[in-house]
Protein backbone atom coordinates (compact mmCIF):
# COMPACT_ATOMS: atom_id res chain seq x y z
CA MET A 1 -117.32 21.32 29.29
CA THR A 2 -117.87 24.49 31.21
CA ASP A 3 -116.20 27.65 29.96
CA LEU A 4 -112.89 27.83 31.78
CA PRO A 5 -110.20 30.42 31.17
CA PRO A 6 -106.99 29.40 29.41
CA LYS A 7 -104.32 27.71 31.49
CA ASP A 8 -102.37 30.94 32.02
CA LYS A 9 -105.43 32.62 33.55
CA LEU A 10 -106.88 29.63 35.43
CA THR A 11 -106.88 29.46 39.23
CA ILE A 12 -107.64 26.29 41.16
CA GLY A 13 -108.60 26.41 44.82
CA PHE A 14 -107.97 23.50 47.18
CA ALA A 15 -110.05 23.56 50.33
CA HIS A 16 -109.73 20.93 53.02
CA ALA A 17 -109.02 21.18 56.73
CA ALA A 18 -106.28 18.53 56.67
CA TYR A 19 -105.41 17.22 53.20
CA GLN A 20 -102.41 18.91 51.59
CA LEU A 21 -103.86 18.93 48.09
CA GLY A 22 -102.15 22.16 47.06
CA ASN A 23 -98.73 20.77 47.91
CA GLN A 24 -99.41 17.69 45.81
CA PHE A 25 -100.62 19.83 42.92
CA ALA A 26 -97.55 22.09 43.15
CA SER A 27 -95.30 19.05 42.76
CA LEU A 28 -96.77 18.50 39.28
CA ASN A 29 -95.27 21.79 38.03
CA THR A 30 -98.26 22.60 35.82
CA GLY A 31 -97.74 26.35 35.88
CA ILE A 32 -101.40 26.78 36.86
CA ARG A 33 -102.11 29.22 39.68
CA TYR A 34 -103.64 27.76 42.80
CA PHE A 35 -104.38 28.53 46.41
CA GLU A 36 -104.95 26.27 49.38
CA VAL A 37 -107.17 27.03 52.37
CA ARG A 38 -107.91 25.09 55.55
CA SER A 39 -110.88 26.89 57.14
CA PRO A 40 -114.31 28.19 56.15
CA ALA A 41 -113.17 31.78 56.76
CA GLU A 42 -110.15 31.33 54.48
CA LEU A 43 -112.35 29.80 51.77
CA GLU A 44 -114.84 32.65 52.05
CA ALA A 45 -112.00 35.16 51.62
CA LYS A 46 -110.55 33.39 48.54
CA ILE A 47 -113.58 31.93 46.75
CA GLY A 48 -113.82 34.87 44.35
CA GLU A 49 -110.41 33.96 42.89
CA ALA A 50 -111.26 30.35 41.97
CA ASP A 51 -112.27 29.07 38.55
CA VAL A 52 -112.10 25.49 39.83
CA LEU A 53 -112.50 24.36 43.43
CA VAL A 54 -111.46 21.00 44.88
CA VAL A 55 -113.24 20.77 48.22
CA SER A 56 -114.83 18.61 50.86
CA GLY A 57 -116.24 19.58 54.27
CA LEU A 58 -115.52 23.31 53.95
CA TRP A 59 -118.20 23.91 51.29
CA LYS A 60 -121.22 26.11 52.10
CA ASN A 61 -123.83 27.02 49.47
CA ALA A 62 -123.75 30.60 50.79
CA LEU A 63 -120.40 30.94 48.96
CA ILE A 64 -122.02 30.83 45.52
CA PRO A 65 -122.86 34.57 45.24
CA SER A 66 -119.20 35.44 45.97
CA ALA A 67 -117.89 32.81 43.54
CA LYS A 68 -118.21 34.90 40.37
CA ARG A 69 -115.42 33.06 38.49
CA LEU A 70 -116.24 29.55 39.73
CA ARG A 71 -117.20 27.15 36.95
CA PHE A 72 -116.31 23.70 38.30
CA VAL A 73 -116.34 22.09 41.75
CA GLN A 74 -114.71 18.73 42.37
CA SER A 75 -115.96 17.22 45.62
CA ILE A 76 -113.34 14.96 47.15
CA SER A 77 -116.06 12.94 48.81
CA ALA A 78 -118.49 10.51 47.21
CA GLY A 79 -121.56 12.27 48.56
CA VAL A 80 -122.75 15.59 47.20
CA ASP A 81 -125.91 16.15 49.25
CA GLN A 82 -124.46 19.31 50.79
CA TYR A 83 -124.29 21.02 47.37
CA ASP A 84 -127.44 22.80 46.17
CA LYS A 85 -127.72 21.54 42.60
CA ASP A 86 -130.32 24.18 41.65
CA GLN A 87 -128.04 26.99 42.80
CA PHE A 88 -125.14 25.40 40.94
CA LYS A 89 -127.20 25.18 37.77
CA ALA A 90 -128.35 28.79 38.06
CA ALA A 91 -124.74 29.94 38.57
CA LYS A 92 -123.49 27.70 35.71
CA ILE A 93 -121.17 25.77 38.01
CA ARG A 94 -120.57 22.09 37.23
CA LEU A 95 -120.23 19.61 40.09
CA ALA A 96 -118.35 16.31 40.16
CA SER A 97 -118.15 13.80 42.99
CA ALA A 98 -115.48 11.29 43.87
CA ALA A 99 -117.97 8.43 43.87
CA GLY A 100 -116.16 5.17 43.41
CA ALA A 101 -112.67 6.59 43.91
CA ASN A 102 -112.15 4.57 47.09
CA ALA A 103 -114.20 1.50 46.19
CA ARG A 104 -111.29 -0.91 46.15
CA ALA A 105 -109.75 0.42 49.39
CA VAL A 106 -113.11 0.22 51.17
CA ALA A 107 -113.72 -3.30 49.89
CA GLU A 108 -110.26 -4.43 50.97
CA HIS A 109 -110.74 -2.86 54.38
CA ALA A 110 -114.08 -4.63 54.78
CA MET A 111 -112.45 -7.97 54.00
């Protein structure tokens, strides 16, 4: 796995215009620091604090130079075409998608 700081120094960023991911995370009482943003401007202002980022539509590859601590991005969508894999590799940031996470719900909806 990517080099992440210990739990007491780790910061997770949640970035989505509508989903309340930070609130859900807070309810787990992990003791891990986190922040939650809802706009591109807020994400740009906070990206330098994140070791891990859970994000969807707010991502822009132009954030990478400011993301000095970032080591892992979890896309909450199945597609990851908007992420520049070469830039991620150069910056030593790992990327994960949510491919398959909604497979059953989508199949049931289709039926």
